[in-house]
Amino acid sequence: GAVDIAYQSLLAPQVRKLRTEAAQGK
């Protein structure tokens, strides 16, 4: 929660995890 928007650049495994959790409404 220290960051509202993470933009440029995350690693591919991190992106995959965030996409999965986004589908869960996080």
PDB file of all heavy atoms in Angstrom:
ATOM      1  N   GLY A   1       0.781  -1.229   0.000  1.00  0.00           N
ATOM      2  CA  GLY A   1       0.000   0.000   0.000  1.00  0.00           C
ATOM      3  C   GLY A   1       0.808   1.270   0.000  1.00  0.00           C
ATOM      4  O   GLY A   1       0.254   2.366   0.125  1.00  0.00           O
ATOM      5  N   ALA A   2       2.134   1.177  -0.120  1.00  0.00           N
ATOM      6  CA  ALA A   2       2.959   2.379  -0.192  1.00  0.00           C
ATOM      7  C   ALA A   2       2.847   3.052  -1.550  1.00  0.00           C
ATOM      8  O   ALA A   2       3.194   4.220  -1.701  1.00  0.00           O
ATOM      9  CB  ALA A   2       4.417   2.038   0.099  1.00  0.00           C
ATOM     10  N   VAL A   3       2.385   2.307  -2.537  1.00  0.00           N
ATOM     11  CA  VAL A   3       2.270   2.802  -3.902  1.00  0.00           C
ATOM     12  C   VAL A   3       0.848   2.570  -4.406  1.00  0.00           C
ATOM     13  O   VAL A   3       0.297   1.484  -4.229  1.00  0.00           O
ATOM     14  CB  VAL A   3       3.279   2.074  -4.827  1.00  0.00           C
ATOM     15  CG1 VAL A   3       3.036   2.416  -6.286  1.00  0.00           C
ATOM     16  CG2 VAL A   3       4.704   2.434  -4.432  1.00  0.00           C
ATOM     17  N   ASP A   4       0.265   3.605  -5.001  1.00  0.00           N
ATOM     18  CA  ASP A   4      -1.079   3.478  -5.574  1.00  0.00           C
ATOM     19  C   ASP A   4      -1.039   2.902  -6.986  1.00  0.00           C
ATOM     20  O   ASP A   4      -1.902   2.126  -7.379  1.00  0.00           O
ATOM     21  CB  ASP A   4      -1.770   4.844  -5.623  1.00  0.00           C
ATOM     22  CG  ASP A   4      -1.930   5.448  -4.247  1.00  0.00           C
ATOM     23  OD1 ASP A   4      -2.332   4.713  -3.329  1.00  0.00           O
ATOM     24  OD2 ASP A   4      -1.667   6.650  -4.081  1.00  0.00           O
ATOM     25  N   ILE A   5      -0.031   3.321  -7.757  1.00  0.00           N
ATOM     26  CA  ILE A   5       0.132   2.838  -9.128  1.00  0.00           C
ATOM     27  C   ILE A   5       1.576   2.408  -9.321  1.00  0.00           C
ATOM     28  O   ILE A   5       2.503   3.180  -9.051  1.00  0.00           O
ATOM     29  CB  ILE A   5      -0.219   3.925 -10.162  1.00  0.00           C
ATOM     30  CG1 ILE A   5      -1.709   4.267 -10.085  1.00  0.00           C
ATOM     31  CG2 ILE A   5       0.134   3.472 -11.572  1.00  0.00           C
ATOM     32  CD1 ILE A   5      -2.138   5.364 -11.038  1.00  0.00           C
ATOM     33  N   ALA A   6       1.789   1.180  -9.749  1.00  0.00           N
ATOM     34  CA  ALA A   6       3.119   0.676 -10.077  1.00  0.00           C
ATOM     35  C   ALA A   6       3.241   0.689 -11.595  1.00  0.00           C
ATOM     36  O   ALA A   6       2.507   0.007 -12.291  1.00  0.00           O
ATOM     37  CB  ALA A   6       3.310  -0.742  -9.530  1.00  0.00           C
ATOM     38  N   TYR A   7       4.194   1.481 -12.095  1.00  0.00           N
ATOM     39  CA  TYR A   7       4.290   1.683 -13.544  1.00  0.00           C
ATOM     40  C   TYR A   7       5.748   1.667 -13.982  1.00  0.00           C
ATOM     41  O   TYR A   7       6.542   2.503 -13.554  1.00  0.00           O
ATOM     42  CB  TYR A   7       3.637   3.027 -13.895  1.00  0.00           C
ATOM     43  CG  TYR A   7       3.673   3.371 -15.363  1.00  0.00           C
ATOM     44  CD1 TYR A   7       3.011   2.575 -16.284  1.00  0.00           C
ATOM     45  CD2 TYR A   7       4.360   4.486 -15.813  1.00  0.00           C
ATOM     46  CE1 TYR A   7       3.033   2.889 -17.625  1.00  0.00           C
ATOM     47  CE2 TYR A   7       4.386   4.809 -17.148  1.00  0.00           C
ATOM     48  CZ  TYR A   7       3.724   4.005 -18.057  1.00  0.00           C
ATOM     49  OH  TYR A   7       3.755   4.318 -19.394  1.00  0.00           O
ATOM     50  N   GLN A   8       6.125   0.692 -14.778  1.00  0.00           N
ATOM     51  CA  GLN A   8       7.466   0.634 -15.345  1.00  0.00           C
ATOM     52  C   GLN A   8       8.547   0.498 -14.263  1.00  0.00           C
ATOM     53  O   GLN A   8       8.934   1.483 -13.663  1.00  0.00           O
ATOM     54  CB  GLN A   8       7.734   1.865 -16.197  1.00  0.00           C
ATOM     55  CG  GLN A   8       6.882   1.992 -17.427  1.00  0.00           C
ATOM     56  CD  GLN A   8       7.264   1.025 -18.528  1.00  0.00           C
ATOM     57  OE1 GLN A   8       8.450   0.783 -18.782  1.00  0.00           O
ATOM     58  NE2 GLN A   8       6.302   0.469 -19.204  1.00  0.00           N
ATOM     59  N   SER A   9       9.098  -0.628 -14.033  1.00  0.00           N
ATOM     60  CA  SER A   9       8.829  -1.882 -14.727  1.00  0.00           C
ATOM     61  C   SER A   9       8.892  -3.006 -13.695  1.00  0.00           C
ATOM     62  O   SER A   9       9.780  -3.013 -12.836  1.00  0.00           O
ATOM     63  CB  SER A   9       9.876  -2.150 -15.791  1.00  0.00           C
ATOM     64  OG  SER A   9       9.866  -1.165 -16.807  1.00  0.00           O
ATOM     65  N   LEU A  10       7.971  -3.921 -13.790  1.00  0.00           N
ATOM     66  CA  LEU A  10       7.935  -5.086 -12.921  1.00  0.00           C
ATOM     67  C   LEU A  10       8.426  -6.309 -13.686  1.00  0.00           C
ATOM     68  O   LEU A  10       8.348  -6.358 -14.920  1.00  0.00           O
ATOM     69  CB  LEU A  10       6.517  -5.326 -12.408  1.00  0.00           C
ATOM     70  CG  LEU A  10       5.947  -4.241 -11.479  1.00  0.00           C
ATOM     71  CD1 LEU A  10       4.453  -4.443 -11.297  1.00  0.00           C
ATOM     72  CD2 LEU A  10       6.667  -4.261 -10.137  1.00  0.00           C
ATOM     73  N   LEU A  11       8.911  -7.303 -12.963  1.00  0.00           N
ATOM     74  CA  LEU A  11       9.360  -8.540 -13.595  1.00  0.00           C
ATOM     75  C   LEU A  11       8.158  -9.381 -13.994  1.00  0.00           C
ATOM     76  O   LEU A  11       7.073  -9.274 -13.409  1.00  0.00           O
ATOM     77  CB  LEU A  11      10.250  -9.318 -12.629  1.00  0.00           C
ATOM     78  CG  LEU A  11      11.534  -8.610 -12.176  1.00  0.00           C
ATOM     79  CD1 LEU A  11      12.273  -9.470 -11.161  1.00  0.00           C
ATOM     80  CD2 LEU A  11      12.412  -8.269 -13.362  1.00  0.00           C
ATOM     81  N   ALA A  12       8.363 -10.240 -14.972  1.00  0.00           N
ATOM     82  CA  ALA A  12       7.263 -11.048 -15.499  1.00  0.00           C
ATOM     83  C   ALA A  12       6.553 -11.875 -14.424  1.00  0.00           C
ATOM     84  O   ALA A  12       5.318 -11.910 -14.396  1.00  0.00           O
ATOM     85  CB  ALA A  12       7.780 -11.954 -16.622  1.00  0.00           C
ATOM     86  N   PRO A  13       7.257 -12.561 -13.496  1.00  0.00           N
ATOM     87  CA  PRO A  13       6.545 -13.311 -12.444  1.00  0.00           C
ATOM     88  C   PRO A  13       5.702 -12.392 -11.544  1.00  0.00           C
ATOM     89  O   PRO A  13       4.634 -12.793 -11.078  1.00  0.00           O
ATOM     90  CB  PRO A  13       7.672 -13.979 -11.648  1.00  0.00           C
ATOM     91  CG  PRO A  13       8.821 -14.042 -12.599  1.00  0.00           C
ATOM     92  CD  PRO A  13       8.716 -12.805 -13.422  1.00  0.00           C
ATOM     93  N   GLN A  14       6.204 -11.182 -11.292  1.00  0.00           N
ATOM     94  CA  GLN A  14       5.434 -10.227 -10.484  1.00  0.00           C
ATOM     95  C   GLN A  14       4.164  -9.795 -11.214  1.00  0.00           C
ATOM     96  O   GLN A  14       3.087  -9.691 -10.612  1.00  0.00           O
ATOM     97  CB  GLN A  14       6.307  -9.015 -10.152  1.00  0.00           C
ATOM     98  CG  GLN A  14       7.525  -9.358  -9.302  1.00  0.00           C
ATOM     99  CD  GLN A  14       8.534  -8.236  -9.256  1.00  0.00           C
ATOM    100  OE1 GLN A  14       8.490  -7.296 -10.053  1.00  0.00           O
ATOM    101  NE2 GLN A  14       9.475  -8.330  -8.316  1.00  0.00           N
ATOM    102  N   VAL A  15       4.299  -9.531 -12.503  1.00  0.00           N
ATOM    103  CA  VAL A  15       3.130  -9.153 -13.305  1.00  0.00           C
ATOM    104  C   VAL A  15       2.099 -10.268 -13.302  1.00  0.00           C
ATOM    105  O   VAL A  15       0.897 -10.032 -13.148  1.00  0.00           O
ATOM    106  CB  VAL A  15       3.561  -8.811 -14.751  1.00  0.00           C
ATOM    107  CG1 VAL A  15       2.332  -8.617 -15.638  1.00  0.00           C
ATOM    108  CG2 VAL A  15       4.435  -7.570 -14.766  1.00  0.00           C
ATOM    109  N   ARG A  16       2.576 -11.493 -13.459  1.00  0.00           N
ATOM    110  CA  ARG A  16       1.659 -12.639 -13.476  1.00  0.00           C
ATOM    111  C   ARG A  16       0.900 -12.748 -12.154  1.00  0.00           C
ATOM    112  O   ARG A  16      -0.317 -12.973 -12.134  1.00  0.00           O
ATOM    113  CB  ARG A  16       2.436 -13.926 -13.760  1.00  0.00           C
ATOM    114  CG  ARG A  16       1.547 -15.175 -13.868  1.00  0.00           C
ATOM    115  CD  ARG A  16       2.320 -16.359 -14.438  1.00  0.00           C
ATOM    116  NE  ARG A  16       3.456 -16.715 -13.605  1.00  0.00           N
ATOM    117  CZ  ARG A  16       4.727 -16.583 -13.992  1.00  0.00           C
ATOM    118  NH1 ARG A  16       5.002 -16.082 -15.187  1.00  0.00           N
ATOM    119  NH2 ARG A  16       5.703 -16.948 -13.197  1.00  0.00           N
ATOM    120  N   LYS A  17       1.596 -12.568 -11.041  1.00  0.00           N
ATOM    121  CA  LYS A  17       0.956 -12.644  -9.730  1.00  0.00           C
ATOM    122  C   LYS A  17      -0.082 -11.529  -9.562  1.00  0.00           C
ATOM    123  O   LYS A  17      -1.203 -11.767  -9.076  1.00  0.00           O
ATOM    124  CB  LYS A  17       2.013 -12.548  -8.623  1.00  0.00           C
ATOM    125  CG  LYS A  17       1.452 -12.767  -7.208  1.00  0.00           C
ATOM    126  CD  LYS A  17       2.578 -12.777  -6.189  1.00  0.00           C
ATOM    127  CE  LYS A  17       2.096 -13.224  -4.813  1.00  0.00           C
ATOM    128  NZ  LYS A  17       1.078 -12.349  -4.248  1.00  0.00           N
ATOM    129  N   LEU A  18       0.274 -10.320  -9.976  1.00  0.00           N
ATOM    130  CA  LEU A  18      -0.658  -9.201  -9.842  1.00  0.00           C
ATOM    131  C   LEU A  18      -1.887  -9.383 -10.726  1.00  0.00           C
ATOM    132  O   LEU A  18      -3.003  -9.025 -10.345  1.00  0.00           O
ATOM    133  CB  LEU A  18       0.050  -7.889 -10.175  1.00  0.00           C
ATOM    134  CG  LEU A  18       1.128  -7.440  -9.187  1.00  0.00           C
ATOM    135  CD1 LEU A  18       1.822  -6.171  -9.685  1.00  0.00           C
ATOM    136  CD2 LEU A  18       0.537  -7.204  -7.806  1.00  0.00           C
ATOM    137  N   ARG A  19      -1.694  -9.946 -11.911  1.00  0.00           N
ATOM    138  CA  ARG A  19      -2.834 -10.190 -12.803  1.00  0.00           C
ATOM    139  C   ARG A  19      -3.780 -11.217 -12.185  1.00  0.00           C
ATOM    140  O   ARG A  19      -4.999 -11.075 -12.265  1.00  0.00           O
ATOM    141  CB  ARG A  19      -2.340 -10.671 -14.170  1.00  0.00           C
ATOM    142  CG  ARG A  19      -1.629  -9.601 -14.962  1.00  0.00           C
ATOM    143  CD  ARG A  19      -0.998 -10.146 -16.219  1.00  0.00           C
ATOM    144  NE  ARG A  19      -1.981 -10.403 -17.255  1.00  0.00           N
ATOM    145  CZ  ARG A  19      -1.664 -10.909 -18.449  1.00  0.00           C
ATOM    146  NH1 ARG A  19      -0.419 -11.205 -18.732  1.00  0.00           N
ATOM    147  NH2 ARG A  19      -2.602 -11.108 -19.355  1.00  0.00           N
ATOM    148  N   THR A  20      -3.199 -12.253 -11.571  1.00  0.00           N
ATOM    149  CA  THR A  20      -4.031 -13.269 -10.921  1.00  0.00           C
ATOM    150  C   THR A  20      -4.821 -12.655  -9.772  1.00  0.00           C
ATOM    151  O   THR A  20      -6.024 -12.906  -9.624  1.00  0.00           O
ATOM    152  CB  THR A  20      -3.141 -14.408 -10.380  1.00  0.00           C
ATOM    153  OG1 THR A  20      -2.448 -15.016 -11.477  1.00  0.00           O
ATOM    154  CG2 THR A  20      -3.990 -15.460  -9.682  1.00  0.00           C
ATOM    155  N   GLU A  21      -4.157 -11.830  -8.967  1.00  0.00           N
ATOM    156  CA  GLU A  21      -4.834 -11.218  -7.828  1.00  0.00           C
ATOM    157  C   GLU A  21      -5.805 -10.128  -8.258  1.00  0.00           C
ATOM    158  O   GLU A  21      -6.790  -9.855  -7.562  1.00  0.00           O
ATOM    159  CB  GLU A  21      -3.790 -10.672  -6.858  1.00  0.00           C
ATOM    160  CG  GLU A  21      -2.970 -11.789  -6.211  1.00  0.00           C
ATOM    161  CD  GLU A  21      -1.831 -11.276  -5.354  1.00  0.00           C
ATOM    162  OE1 GLU A  21      -1.415 -10.124  -5.551  1.00  0.00           O
ATOM    163  OE2 GLU A  21      -1.360 -12.039  -4.490  1.00  0.00           O
ATOM    164  N   ALA A  22      -5.557  -9.506  -9.408  1.00  0.00           N
ATOM    165  CA  ALA A  22      -6.514  -8.527  -9.929  1.00  0.00           C
ATOM    166  C   ALA A  22      -7.825  -9.211 -10.289  1.00  0.00           C
ATOM    167  O   ALA A  22      -8.910  -8.652 -10.084  1.00  0.00           O
ATOM    168  CB  ALA A  22      -5.932  -7.825 -11.146  1.00  0.00           C
ATOM    169  N   ALA A  23      -7.720 -10.427 -10.816  1.00  0.00           N
ATOM    170  CA  ALA A  23      -8.929 -11.174 -11.152  1.00  0.00           C
ATOM    171  C   ALA A  23      -9.737 -11.530  -9.906  1.00  0.00           C
ATOM    172  O   ALA A  23     -10.945 -11.777  -9.979  1.00  0.00           O
ATOM    173  CB  ALA A  23      -8.551 -12.449 -11.907  1.00  0.00           C
ATOM    174  N   GLN A  24      -9.061 -11.517  -8.744  1.00  0.00           N
ATOM    175  CA  GLN A  24      -9.727 -11.781  -7.472  1.00  0.00           C
ATOM    176  C   GLN A  24     -10.263 -10.507  -6.820  1.00  0.00           C
ATOM    177  O   GLN A  24     -10.802 -10.538  -5.725  1.00  0.00           O
ATOM    178  CB  GLN A  24      -8.749 -12.474  -6.514  1.00  0.00           C
ATOM    179  CG  GLN A  24      -8.218 -13.804  -7.041  1.00  0.00           C
ATOM    180  CD  GLN A  24      -7.036 -14.330  -6.232  1.00  0.00           C
ATOM    181  OE1 GLN A  24      -6.599 -13.701  -5.263  1.00  0.00           O
ATOM    182  NE2 GLN A  24      -6.521 -15.502  -6.613  1.00  0.00           N
ATOM    183  N   GLY A  25     -10.081  -9.376  -7.509  1.00  0.00           N
ATOM    184  CA  GLY A  25     -10.614  -8.112  -7.025  1.00  0.00           C
ATOM    185  C   GLY A  25      -9.724  -7.351  -6.071  1.00  0.00           C
ATOM    186  O   GLY A  25     -10.166  -6.385  -5.436  1.00  0.00           O
ATOM    187  N   LYS A  26      -8.445  -7.747  -5.949  1.00  0.00           N
ATOM    188  CA  LYS A  26      -7.551  -7.073  -5.010  1.00  0.00           C
ATOM    189  C   LYS A  26      -7.090  -5.714  -5.522  1.00  0.00           C
ATOM    190  O   LYS A  26      -6.850  -4.794  -4.758  1.00  0.00           O
ATOM    191  CB  LYS A  26      -6.341  -7.953  -4.701  1.00  0.00           C
ATOM    192  CG  LYS A  26      -6.672  -9.186  -3.864  1.00  0.00           C
ATOM    193  CD  LYS A  26      -5.403  -9.925  -3.465  1.00  0.00           C
ATOM    194  CE  LYS A  26      -5.711 -11.107  -2.559  1.00  0.00           C
ATOM    195  NZ  LYS A  26      -4.469 -11.814  -2.139  1.00  0.00           N
TER     196      LYS A  26
END
